[in-house]
């Protein structure tokens, strides 16, 4: 029963972040005047009709409404359902790989924000600053409460090297090779994970990123952006049982 509730709590957060992502993408950023109760009420993307509770129950509403808006009968974006399912299974995975309640709380916070970044990056190839601020806060809090000085040193050195590499590559190619947001995500990962696990995440993410880039180049015969923050989030989840 607890596992089902935990899964559904993940689905609710997934639905929330996907909705927030859509708003941020359409508004570019959230200003103070937009941060009110009315601005966060959900509306149909197609007809703009305000949605009620029956339309907003994660997974169940999508199935009950057969993937269509009950006001305009247009198809609901499948990304909404995908985000809910992804977050649900991420939460189940975390529940099995957390040592205690304290560890679980930090894992839930960290992976909620890094997967919110992953969802946004996979669709818009951009890392939202607001998510980065929360991710940085969680990572720094984790380090302070555990006293992991080695994490701070290792993360700073590796991130510094990667940042210098970015500057060199940007200069050579005369364009941005990868975003500064990715660099900050790497730093947060370095704070949250021990050096060995952090190194594994970077290695696996780099390998997968190059593989995806290569396949796209071969199949599409052109260069295409790779959502590296998304790949790092998946890599971090896979490595998380190691600590």
C-alpha atoms as a PDB file:
ATOM      1  CA  UNK A   1       0.000   0.000   0.000  1.00  0.00           C
ATOM      2  CA  UNK A   2       2.820   2.417   0.948  1.00  0.00           C
ATOM      3  CA  UNK A   3       4.542   1.663  -2.353  1.00  0.00           C
ATOM      4  CA  UNK A   4       1.392   2.568  -4.309  1.00  0.00           C
ATOM      5  CA  UNK A   5       1.029   5.838  -2.378  1.00  0.00           C
ATOM      6  CA  UNK A   6       4.679   6.661  -2.955  1.00  0.00           C
ATOM      7  CA  UNK A   7       4.316   5.923  -6.670  1.00  0.00           C
ATOM      8  CA  UNK A   8       1.263   8.159  -6.876  1.00  0.00           C
ATOM      9  CA  UNK A   9       2.989  10.944  -4.973  1.00  0.00           C
ATOM     10  CA  UNK A  10       5.686  10.797  -7.645  1.00  0.00           C
ATOM     11  CA  UNK A  11       2.997  10.977 -10.343  1.00  0.00           C
ATOM     12  CA  UNK A  12       1.528  14.101  -8.736  1.00  0.00           C
ATOM     13  CA  UNK A  13       4.930  15.801  -8.695  1.00  0.00           C
ATOM     14  CA  UNK A  14       5.560  14.726 -12.281  1.00  0.00           C
ATOM     15  CA  UNK A  15       2.255  16.286 -13.327  1.00  0.00           C
ATOM     16  CA  UNK A  16       3.092  19.481 -11.438  1.00  0.00           C
ATOM     17  CA  UNK A  17       6.553  19.874 -12.971  1.00  0.00           C
ATOM     18  CA  UNK A  18       5.318  19.126 -16.491  1.00  0.00           C
ATOM     19  CA  UNK A  19       2.619  21.776 -16.104  1.00  0.00           C
ATOM     20  CA  UNK A  20       5.162  24.244 -14.724  1.00  0.00           C
ATOM     21  CA  UNK A  21       7.553  23.453 -17.580  1.00  0.00           C
ATOM     22  CA  UNK A  22       4.865  24.264 -20.138  1.00  0.00           C
ATOM     23  CA  UNK A  23       4.148  27.583 -18.448  1.00  0.00           C
ATOM     24  CA  UNK A  24       7.825  28.531 -18.234  1.00  0.00           C
ATOM     25  CA  UNK A  25       8.369  27.633 -21.878  1.00  0.00           C
ATOM     26  CA  UNK A  26       5.444  29.770 -23.023  1.00  0.00           C
ATOM     27  CA  UNK A  27       6.257  32.709 -20.750  1.00  0.00           C
ATOM     28  CA  UNK A  28      10.078  32.405 -20.918  1.00  0.00           C
ATOM     29  CA  UNK A  29      10.215  33.202 -17.205  1.00  0.00           C
ATOM     30  CA  UNK A  30       7.866  33.685 -14.265  1.00  0.00           C
ATOM     31  CA  UNK A  31       7.653  37.294 -13.120  1.00  0.00           C
ATOM     32  CA  UNK A  32       6.336  38.418  -9.746  1.00  0.00           C
ATOM     33  CA  UNK A  33       3.053  39.544 -11.282  1.00  0.00           C
ATOM     34  CA  UNK A  34       2.525  36.031 -12.630  1.00  0.00           C
ATOM     35  CA  UNK A  35       3.210  34.329  -9.299  1.00  0.00           C
ATOM     36  CA  UNK A  36      -0.356  34.218  -7.990  1.00  0.00           C
ATOM     37  CA  UNK A  37      -2.966  31.560  -7.443  1.00  0.00           C
ATOM     38  CA  UNK A  38      -4.812  32.271 -10.673  1.00  0.00           C
ATOM     39  CA  UNK A  39      -1.645  31.908 -12.804  1.00  0.00           C
ATOM     40  CA  UNK A  40      -1.135  28.374 -11.534  1.00  0.00           C
ATOM     41  CA  UNK A  41      -4.616  27.133 -12.386  1.00  0.00           C
ATOM     42  CA  UNK A  42      -4.386  24.574 -15.168  1.00  0.00           C
ATOM     43  CA  UNK A  43      -6.016  25.173 -18.528  1.00  0.00           C
ATOM     44  CA  UNK A  44      -6.389  23.088 -21.672  1.00  0.00           C
ATOM     45  CA  UNK A  45      -3.459  23.795 -24.016  1.00  0.00           C
ATOM     46  CA  UNK A  46      -5.816  23.727 -27.011  1.00  0.00           C
ATOM     47  CA  UNK A  47      -9.017  25.560 -25.998  1.00  0.00           C
ATOM     48  CA  UNK A  48      -7.790  27.374 -22.876  1.00  0.00           C
ATOM     49  CA  UNK A  49     -10.717  26.150 -20.736  1.00  0.00           C
ATOM     50  CA  UNK A  50      -9.937  26.025 -17.017  1.00  0.00           C
ATOM     51  CA  UNK A  51      -9.607  22.440 -15.824  1.00  0.00           C
ATOM     52  CA  UNK A  52     -11.245  21.011 -12.705  1.00  0.00           C
ATOM     53  CA  UNK A  53     -10.203  18.224 -10.337  1.00  0.00           C
ATOM     54  CA  UNK A  54     -11.607  15.452 -12.548  1.00  0.00           C
ATOM     55  CA  UNK A  55      -9.265  16.568 -15.352  1.00  0.00           C
ATOM     56  CA  UNK A  56      -6.149  16.719 -13.175  1.00  0.00           C
ATOM     57  CA  UNK A  57      -5.898  13.330 -11.444  1.00  0.00           C
ATOM     58  CA  UNK A  58      -2.544  11.883 -12.586  1.00  0.00           C
ATOM     59  CA  UNK A  59      -2.820   8.908 -14.980  1.00  0.00           C
ATOM     60  CA  UNK A  60      -6.459   8.177 -14.048  1.00  0.00           C
ATOM     61  CA  UNK A  61      -7.794  11.351 -15.705  1.00  0.00           C
ATOM     62  CA  UNK A  62      -5.879  10.598 -18.902  1.00  0.00           C
ATOM     63  CA  UNK A  63      -7.305   7.068 -19.021  1.00  0.00           C
ATOM     64  CA  UNK A  64     -10.841   8.133 -18.035  1.00  0.00           C
ATOM     65  CA  UNK A  65     -10.915  10.893 -20.662  1.00  0.00           C
ATOM     66  CA  UNK A  66      -9.233   8.600 -23.220  1.00  0.00           C
ATOM     67  CA  UNK A  67      -6.452  11.108 -23.736  1.00  0.00           C
ATOM     68  CA  UNK A  68      -8.767  13.923 -24.846  1.00  0.00           C
ATOM     69  CA  UNK A  69      -9.951  17.214 -23.379  1.00  0.00           C
ATOM     70  CA  UNK A  70     -13.591  16.869 -22.275  1.00  0.00           C
ATOM     71  CA  UNK A  71     -14.324  20.442 -23.405  1.00  0.00           C
ATOM     72  CA  UNK A  72     -12.849  20.609 -26.929  1.00  0.00           C
ATOM     73  CA  UNK A  73     -12.200  16.877 -27.540  1.00  0.00           C
ATOM     74  CA  UNK A  74      -8.639  17.641 -28.703  1.00  0.00           C
ATOM     75  CA  UNK A  75      -5.861  15.198 -27.818  1.00  0.00           C
ATOM     76  CA  UNK A  76      -4.026  15.794 -24.536  1.00  0.00           C
ATOM     77  CA  UNK A  77      -0.249  15.978 -24.911  1.00  0.00           C
ATOM     78  CA  UNK A  78       1.214  12.547 -24.146  1.00  0.00           C
ATOM     79  CA  UNK A  79       4.168  14.268 -22.423  1.00  0.00           C
ATOM     80  CA  UNK A  80       1.884  14.863 -19.432  1.00  0.00           C
ATOM     81  CA  UNK A  81       1.258  11.155 -18.950  1.00  0.00           C
ATOM     82  CA  UNK A  82       4.923  10.337 -19.627  1.00  0.00           C
ATOM     83  CA  UNK A  83       6.109  12.765 -16.936  1.00  0.00           C
ATOM     84  CA  UNK A  84       3.687  11.304 -14.385  1.00  0.00           C
ATOM     85  CA  UNK A  85       4.767   7.721 -15.061  1.00  0.00           C
ATOM     86  CA  UNK A  86       8.483   8.604 -15.054  1.00  0.00           C
ATOM     87  CA  UNK A  87       8.276  10.384 -11.692  1.00  0.00           C
ATOM     88  CA  UNK A  88       6.187   7.559 -10.246  1.00  0.00           C
ATOM     89  CA  UNK A  89       8.780   4.923 -11.106  1.00  0.00           C
ATOM     90  CA  UNK A  90      11.657   7.194 -10.044  1.00  0.00           C
ATOM     91  CA  UNK A  91      10.073   7.461  -6.597  1.00  0.00           C
ATOM     92  CA  UNK A  92       9.624   3.688  -6.355  1.00  0.00           C
ATOM     93  CA  UNK A  93      13.284   3.214  -7.326  1.00  0.00           C
ATOM     94  CA  UNK A  94      14.362   5.693  -4.644  1.00  0.00           C
ATOM     95  CA  UNK A  95      12.257   3.980  -1.980  1.00  0.00           C
ATOM     96  CA  UNK A  96      14.137   0.732  -2.605  1.00  0.00           C
ATOM     97  CA  UNK A  97      17.572   2.377  -2.658  1.00  0.00           C
ATOM     98  CA  UNK A  98      17.436   4.716   0.340  1.00  0.00           C
ATOM     99  CA  UNK A  99      18.946   3.654   3.658  1.00  0.00           C
ATOM    100  CA  UNK A 100      16.607   5.545   5.984  1.00  0.00           C
ATOM    101  CA  UNK A 101      13.950   8.258   6.067  1.00  0.00           C
ATOM    102  CA  UNK A 102      16.559  11.042   6.176  1.00  0.00           C
ATOM    103  CA  UNK A 103      18.367   9.613   3.149  1.00  0.00           C
ATOM    104  CA  UNK A 104      15.055   9.126   1.336  1.00  0.00           C
ATOM    105  CA  UNK A 105      14.028  12.750   1.948  1.00  0.00           C
ATOM    106  CA  UNK A 106      17.230  14.089   0.384  1.00  0.00           C
ATOM    107  CA  UNK A 107      16.969  11.658  -2.527  1.00  0.00           C
ATOM    108  CA  UNK A 108      13.374  12.695  -3.215  1.00  0.00           C
ATOM    109  CA  UNK A 109      14.268  16.395  -3.182  1.00  0.00           C
ATOM    110  CA  UNK A 110      17.402  16.020  -5.304  1.00  0.00           C
ATOM    111  CA  UNK A 111      15.922  13.724  -7.925  1.00  0.00           C
ATOM    112  CA  UNK A 112      12.664  15.686  -8.121  1.00  0.00           C
ATOM    113  CA  UNK A 113      14.545  18.779  -9.251  1.00  0.00           C
ATOM    114  CA  UNK A 114      17.073  17.027 -11.451  1.00  0.00           C
ATOM    115  CA  UNK A 115      14.297  15.139 -13.275  1.00  0.00           C
ATOM    116  CA  UNK A 116      12.291  18.363 -13.578  1.00  0.00           C
ATOM    117  CA  UNK A 117      15.397  19.712 -15.324  1.00  0.00           C
ATOM    118  CA  UNK A 118      15.595  16.518 -17.397  1.00  0.00           C
ATOM    119  CA  UNK A 119      11.997  16.890 -18.605  1.00  0.00           C
ATOM    120  CA  UNK A 120      12.541  20.508 -19.600  1.00  0.00           C
ATOM    121  CA  UNK A 121      15.923  19.871 -21.223  1.00  0.00           C
ATOM    122  CA  UNK A 122      14.645  16.919 -23.253  1.00  0.00           C
ATOM    123  CA  UNK A 123      11.975  19.120 -24.831  1.00  0.00           C
ATOM    124  CA  UNK A 124      13.531  22.597 -24.979  1.00  0.00           C
ATOM    125  CA  UNK A 125      17.313  21.922 -24.701  1.00  0.00           C
ATOM    126  CA  UNK A 126      17.595  24.374 -21.832  1.00  0.00           C
ATOM    127  CA  UNK A 127      18.164  24.161 -18.073  1.00  0.00           C
ATOM    128  CA  UNK A 128      15.782  26.474 -16.132  1.00  0.00           C
ATOM    129  CA  UNK A 129      17.543  28.707 -13.593  1.00  0.00           C
ATOM    130  CA  UNK A 130      14.821  28.276 -10.972  1.00  0.00           C
ATOM    131  CA  UNK A 131      15.332  24.505 -10.890  1.00  0.00           C
ATOM    132  CA  UNK A 132      19.110  24.968 -10.733  1.00  0.00           C
ATOM    133  CA  UNK A 133      18.763  27.208  -7.671  1.00  0.00           C
ATOM    134  CA  UNK A 134      16.695  24.589  -5.829  1.00  0.00           C
ATOM    135  CA  UNK A 135      19.037  21.783  -6.930  1.00  0.00           C
ATOM    136  CA  UNK A 136      22.037  23.788  -5.709  1.00  0.00           C
ATOM    137  CA  UNK A 137      20.323  24.447  -2.378  1.00  0.00           C
ATOM    138  CA  UNK A 138      19.551  20.741  -1.853  1.00  0.00           C
ATOM    139  CA  UNK A 139      23.094  19.702  -2.848  1.00  0.00           C
ATOM    140  CA  UNK A 140      24.756  22.282  -0.587  1.00  0.00           C
ATOM    141  CA  UNK A 141      22.463  21.362   2.322  1.00  0.00           C
ATOM    142  CA  UNK A 142      23.351  17.696   1.830  1.00  0.00           C
ATOM    143  CA  UNK A 143      27.093  18.439   1.938  1.00  0.00           C
ATOM    144  CA  UNK A 144      26.817  20.714   4.992  1.00  0.00           C
ATOM    145  CA  UNK A 145      24.709  18.243   6.990  1.00  0.00           C
ATOM    146  CA  UNK A 146      27.028  15.321   6.181  1.00  0.00           C
ATOM    147  CA  UNK A 147      30.320  17.215   6.252  1.00  0.00           C
ATOM    148  CA  UNK A 148      31.509  15.745   2.939  1.00  0.00           C
ATOM    149  CA  UNK A 149      34.430  18.117   2.271  1.00  0.00           C
ATOM    150  CA  UNK A 150      35.941  15.694  -0.263  1.00  0.00           C
ATOM    151  CA  UNK A 151      32.786  16.049  -2.378  1.00  0.00           C
ATOM    152  CA  UNK A 152      33.187  19.833  -2.464  1.00  0.00           C
ATOM    153  CA  UNK A 153      36.865  19.655  -3.455  1.00  0.00           C
ATOM    154  CA  UNK A 154      36.391  16.961  -6.102  1.00  0.00           C
ATOM    155  CA  UNK A 155      33.271  18.607  -7.565  1.00  0.00           C
ATOM    156  CA  UNK A 156      35.007  21.994  -7.735  1.00  0.00           C
ATOM    157  CA  UNK A 157      38.099  20.605  -9.489  1.00  0.00           C
ATOM    158  CA  UNK A 158      36.197  18.497 -12.039  1.00  0.00           C
ATOM    159  CA  UNK A 159      33.638  21.207 -12.752  1.00  0.00           C
ATOM    160  CA  UNK A 160      36.431  23.749 -13.151  1.00  0.00           C
ATOM    161  CA  UNK A 161      38.171  21.521 -15.709  1.00  0.00           C
ATOM    162  CA  UNK A 162      34.921  20.993 -17.621  1.00  0.00           C
ATOM    163  CA  UNK A 163      34.218  24.737 -17.611  1.00  0.00           C
ATOM    164  CA  UNK A 164      37.678  25.481 -19.072  1.00  0.00           C
ATOM    165  CA  UNK A 165      37.082  22.785 -21.712  1.00  0.00           C
ATOM    166  CA  UNK A 166      33.766  24.452 -22.574  1.00  0.00           C
ATOM    167  CA  UNK A 167      35.463  27.830 -23.049  1.00  0.00           C
ATOM    168  CA  UNK A 168      38.136  26.311 -25.305  1.00  0.00           C
ATOM    169  CA  UNK A 169      35.612  24.362 -27.405  1.00  0.00           C
ATOM    170  CA  UNK A 170      33.330  27.397 -27.682  1.00  0.00           C
ATOM    171  CA  UNK A 171      36.285  29.452 -28.925  1.00  0.00           C
ATOM    172  CA  UNK A 172      37.348  26.812 -31.460  1.00  0.00           C
ATOM    173  CA  UNK A 173      33.845  26.190 -32.852  1.00  0.00           C
ATOM    174  CA  UNK A 174      32.778  29.843 -32.576  1.00  0.00           C
ATOM    175  CA  UNK A 175      29.519  28.724 -30.963  1.00  0.00           C
ATOM    176  CA  UNK A 176      28.228  27.348 -27.678  1.00  0.00           C
ATOM    177  CA  UNK A 177      29.108  23.636 -27.533  1.00  0.00           C
ATOM    178  CA  UNK A 178      27.096  22.909 -24.378  1.00  0.00           C
ATOM    179  CA  UNK A 179      25.184  25.108 -21.988  1.00  0.00           C
ATOM    180  CA  UNK A 180      26.407  26.650 -18.756  1.00  0.00           C
ATOM    181  CA  UNK A 181      23.375  25.064 -17.097  1.00  0.00           C
ATOM    182  CA  UNK A 182      24.889  21.638 -17.786  1.00  0.00           C
ATOM    183  CA  UNK A 183      28.064  22.743 -15.976  1.00  0.00           C
ATOM    184  CA  UNK A 184      26.069  23.731 -12.882  1.00  0.00           C
ATOM    185  CA  UNK A 185      24.187  20.413 -12.961  1.00  0.00           C
ATOM    186  CA  UNK A 186      27.553  18.619 -13.034  1.00  0.00           C
ATOM    187  CA  UNK A 187      28.676  20.605  -9.977  1.00  0.00           C
ATOM    188  CA  UNK A 188      25.488  19.679  -8.083  1.00  0.00           C
ATOM    189  CA  UNK A 189      26.012  16.011  -8.936  1.00  0.00           C
ATOM    190  CA  UNK A 190      29.573  16.267  -7.615  1.00  0.00           C
ATOM    191  CA  UNK A 191      28.318  17.656  -4.317  1.00  0.00           C
ATOM    192  CA  UNK A 192      25.602  15.050  -3.895  1.00  0.00           C
ATOM    193  CA  UNK A 193      27.551  11.936  -4.929  1.00  0.00           C
ATOM    194  CA  UNK A 194      30.862  10.602  -3.632  1.00  0.00           C
ATOM    195  CA  UNK A 195      33.818  10.995  -6.055  1.00  0.00           C
ATOM    196  CA  UNK A 196      33.718   7.436  -7.429  1.00  0.00           C
ATOM    197  CA  UNK A 197      29.977   7.505  -8.153  1.00  0.00           C
ATOM    198  CA  UNK A 198      30.277  11.032  -9.551  1.00  0.00           C
ATOM    199  CA  UNK A 199      33.039   9.884 -11.910  1.00  0.00           C
ATOM    200  CA  UNK A 200      30.901   6.955 -13.074  1.00  0.00           C
ATOM    201  CA  UNK A 201      27.963   9.271 -13.780  1.00  0.00           C
ATOM    202  CA  UNK A 202      30.147  11.569 -15.876  1.00  0.00           C
ATOM    203  CA  UNK A 203      31.689   8.651 -17.778  1.00  0.00           C
ATOM    204  CA  UNK A 204      28.363   6.958 -18.533  1.00  0.00           C
ATOM    205  CA  UNK A 205      26.659  10.251 -19.415  1.00  0.00           C
ATOM    206  CA  UNK A 206      29.490  11.273 -21.748  1.00  0.00           C
ATOM    207  CA  UNK A 207      29.482   7.856 -23.414  1.00  0.00           C
ATOM    208  CA  UNK A 208      25.704   7.877 -23.918  1.00  0.00           C
ATOM    209  CA  UNK A 209      25.777  11.490 -25.095  1.00  0.00           C
ATOM    210  CA  UNK A 210      28.432  10.760 -27.722  1.00  0.00           C
ATOM    211  CA  UNK A 211      26.591   7.598 -28.773  1.00  0.00           C
ATOM    212  CA  UNK A 212      23.287   9.451 -29.248  1.00  0.00           C
ATOM    213  CA  UNK A 213      25.036  12.305 -31.059  1.00  0.00           C
ATOM    214  CA  UNK A 214      26.831   9.829 -33.343  1.00  0.00           C
ATOM    215  CA  UNK A 215      23.669   7.896 -34.171  1.00  0.00           C
ATOM    216  CA  UNK A 216      21.772  11.087 -34.954  1.00  0.00           C
ATOM    217  CA  UNK A 217      24.611  12.291 -37.161  1.00  0.00           C
ATOM    218  CA  UNK A 218      24.753   8.978 -39.047  1.00  0.00           C
ATOM    219  CA  UNK A 219      20.983   8.516 -39.403  1.00  0.00           C
ATOM    220  CA  UNK A 220      20.021  12.153 -39.990  1.00  0.00           C
ATOM    221  CA  UNK A 221      23.309  13.173 -41.625  1.00  0.00           C
ATOM    222  CA  UNK A 222      23.458  16.365 -39.568  1.00  0.00           C
ATOM    223  CA  UNK A 223      24.476  17.588 -36.139  1.00  0.00           C
ATOM    224  CA  UNK A 224      21.711  17.843 -33.582  1.00  0.00           C
ATOM    225  CA  UNK A 225      21.651  18.958 -29.956  1.00  0.00           C
ATOM    226  CA  UNK A 226      21.774  16.315 -27.235  1.00  0.00           C
ATOM    227  CA  UNK A 227      19.889  16.960 -23.949  1.00  0.00           C
ATOM    228  CA  UNK A 228      22.919  16.258 -21.747  1.00  0.00           C
ATOM    229  CA  UNK A 229      21.205  17.223 -18.478  1.00  0.00           C
ATOM    230  CA  UNK A 230      18.556  14.588 -19.218  1.00  0.00           C
ATOM    231  CA  UNK A 231      21.228  11.960 -19.818  1.00  0.00           C
ATOM    232  CA  UNK A 232      23.008  12.923 -16.581  1.00  0.00           C
ATOM    233  CA  UNK A 233      19.753  12.620 -14.606  1.00  0.00           C
ATOM    234  CA  UNK A 234      19.232   9.079 -15.902  1.00  0.00           C
ATOM    235  CA  UNK A 235      22.865   8.218 -15.193  1.00  0.00           C
ATOM    236  CA  UNK A 236      22.604   9.622 -11.669  1.00  0.00           C
ATOM    237  CA  UNK A 237      19.501   7.540 -10.937  1.00  0.00           C
ATOM    238  CA  UNK A 238      21.215   4.392 -12.183  1.00  0.00           C
ATOM    239  CA  UNK A 239      24.336   5.019 -10.092  1.00  0.00           C
ATOM    240  CA  UNK A 240      22.453   6.211  -6.977  1.00  0.00           C
ATOM    241  CA  UNK A 241      22.470   2.780  -5.232  1.00  0.00           C
ATOM    242  CA  UNK A 242      26.286   3.056  -5.045  1.00  0.00           C
ATOM    243  CA  UNK A 243      26.026   6.261  -2.991  1.00  0.00           C
END
